[in-house]
């Protein structure tokens, strides 16, 4: 799996970490970021479909 590096404001990372760990929604920060990206891409696909734009 390719690795990606990014800069993120500490406030966002701190908020994200509140949802990561045992008995929380995500098992790791990477899992949370992957899930957020997938959800965003699904939403963009839905918007494109409503506007008659196909995936390229």
C-alpha atoms as a PDB file:
ATOM      1  CA  UNK A   1       0.000   0.000   0.000  1.00  0.00           C
ATOM      2  CA  UNK A   2       1.445   3.406  -0.934  1.00  0.00           C
ATOM      3  CA  UNK A   3       2.303   5.787   1.884  1.00  0.00           C
ATOM      4  CA  UNK A   4       1.153   9.406   1.882  1.00  0.00           C
ATOM      5  CA  UNK A   5       2.595  12.226   3.924  1.00  0.00           C
ATOM      6  CA  UNK A   6       0.627  15.363   4.750  1.00  0.00           C
ATOM      7  CA  UNK A   7       0.657  18.424   6.921  1.00  0.00           C
ATOM      8  CA  UNK A   8      -2.340  18.888   9.202  1.00  0.00           C
ATOM      9  CA  UNK A   9      -3.099  21.562  11.782  1.00  0.00           C
ATOM     10  CA  UNK A  10      -2.633  20.194  15.293  1.00  0.00           C
ATOM     11  CA  UNK A  11      -6.211  21.173  16.203  1.00  0.00           C
ATOM     12  CA  UNK A  12      -7.604  18.829  13.537  1.00  0.00           C
ATOM     13  CA  UNK A  13      -5.259  16.009  14.554  1.00  0.00           C
ATOM     14  CA  UNK A  14      -6.195  16.464  18.220  1.00  0.00           C
ATOM     15  CA  UNK A  15      -9.908  16.301  17.353  1.00  0.00           C
ATOM     16  CA  UNK A  16      -9.331  13.239  15.190  1.00  0.00           C
ATOM     17  CA  UNK A  17      -7.429  11.414  17.932  1.00  0.00           C
ATOM     18  CA  UNK A  18     -10.476  11.710  20.213  1.00  0.00           C
ATOM     19  CA  UNK A  19     -12.153   9.137  17.947  1.00  0.00           C
ATOM     20  CA  UNK A  20      -9.199   6.730  17.752  1.00  0.00           C
ATOM     21  CA  UNK A  21      -8.409   3.886  20.132  1.00  0.00           C
ATOM     22  CA  UNK A  22      -9.934   0.975  21.994  1.00  0.00           C
ATOM     23  CA  UNK A  23     -13.746   1.055  21.987  1.00  0.00           C
ATOM     24  CA  UNK A  24     -13.835   4.063  19.663  1.00  0.00           C
ATOM     25  CA  UNK A  25     -14.799   4.388  16.003  1.00  0.00           C
ATOM     26  CA  UNK A  26     -11.316   4.049  14.457  1.00  0.00           C
ATOM     27  CA  UNK A  27      -8.390   1.786  15.287  1.00  0.00           C
ATOM     28  CA  UNK A  28      -5.769   4.291  14.114  1.00  0.00           C
ATOM     29  CA  UNK A  29      -5.363   7.794  12.751  1.00  0.00           C
ATOM     30  CA  UNK A  30      -4.554   6.267   9.347  1.00  0.00           C
ATOM     31  CA  UNK A  31      -7.832   4.299   9.456  1.00  0.00           C
ATOM     32  CA  UNK A  32      -9.748   7.489  10.256  1.00  0.00           C
ATOM     33  CA  UNK A  33      -8.121   9.391   7.383  1.00  0.00           C
ATOM     34  CA  UNK A  34      -8.740   6.535   4.898  1.00  0.00           C
ATOM     35  CA  UNK A  35     -12.391   6.343   5.972  1.00  0.00           C
ATOM     36  CA  UNK A  36     -12.841  10.112   5.640  1.00  0.00           C
ATOM     37  CA  UNK A  37     -11.289  10.093   2.159  1.00  0.00           C
ATOM     38  CA  UNK A  38     -13.545   7.242   1.021  1.00  0.00           C
ATOM     39  CA  UNK A  39     -16.619   9.038   2.325  1.00  0.00           C
ATOM     40  CA  UNK A  40     -15.622  12.298   0.629  1.00  0.00           C
ATOM     41  CA  UNK A  41     -15.014  10.513  -2.686  1.00  0.00           C
ATOM     42  CA  UNK A  42     -18.424   8.790  -2.442  1.00  0.00           C
ATOM     43  CA  UNK A  43     -20.052  12.178  -1.822  1.00  0.00           C
ATOM     44  CA  UNK A  44     -18.247  13.710  -4.804  1.00  0.00           C
ATOM     45  CA  UNK A  45     -19.394  10.792  -6.995  1.00  0.00           C
ATOM     46  CA  UNK A  46     -22.992  11.412  -5.887  1.00  0.00           C
ATOM     47  CA  UNK A  47     -22.705  15.127  -6.693  1.00  0.00           C
ATOM     48  CA  UNK A  48     -21.236  14.338 -10.119  1.00  0.00           C
ATOM     49  CA  UNK A  49     -24.027  11.849 -10.818  1.00  0.00           C
ATOM     50  CA  UNK A  50     -26.708  14.407  -9.899  1.00  0.00           C
ATOM     51  CA  UNK A  51     -25.099  16.951 -12.236  1.00  0.00           C
ATOM     52  CA  UNK A  52     -24.780  14.490 -15.091  1.00  0.00           C
ATOM     53  CA  UNK A  53     -21.010  14.223 -14.928  1.00  0.00           C
ATOM     54  CA  UNK A  54     -19.492  10.786 -15.291  1.00  0.00           C
ATOM     55  CA  UNK A  55     -16.420   9.473 -13.561  1.00  0.00           C
ATOM     56  CA  UNK A  56     -13.301  10.008 -15.632  1.00  0.00           C
END
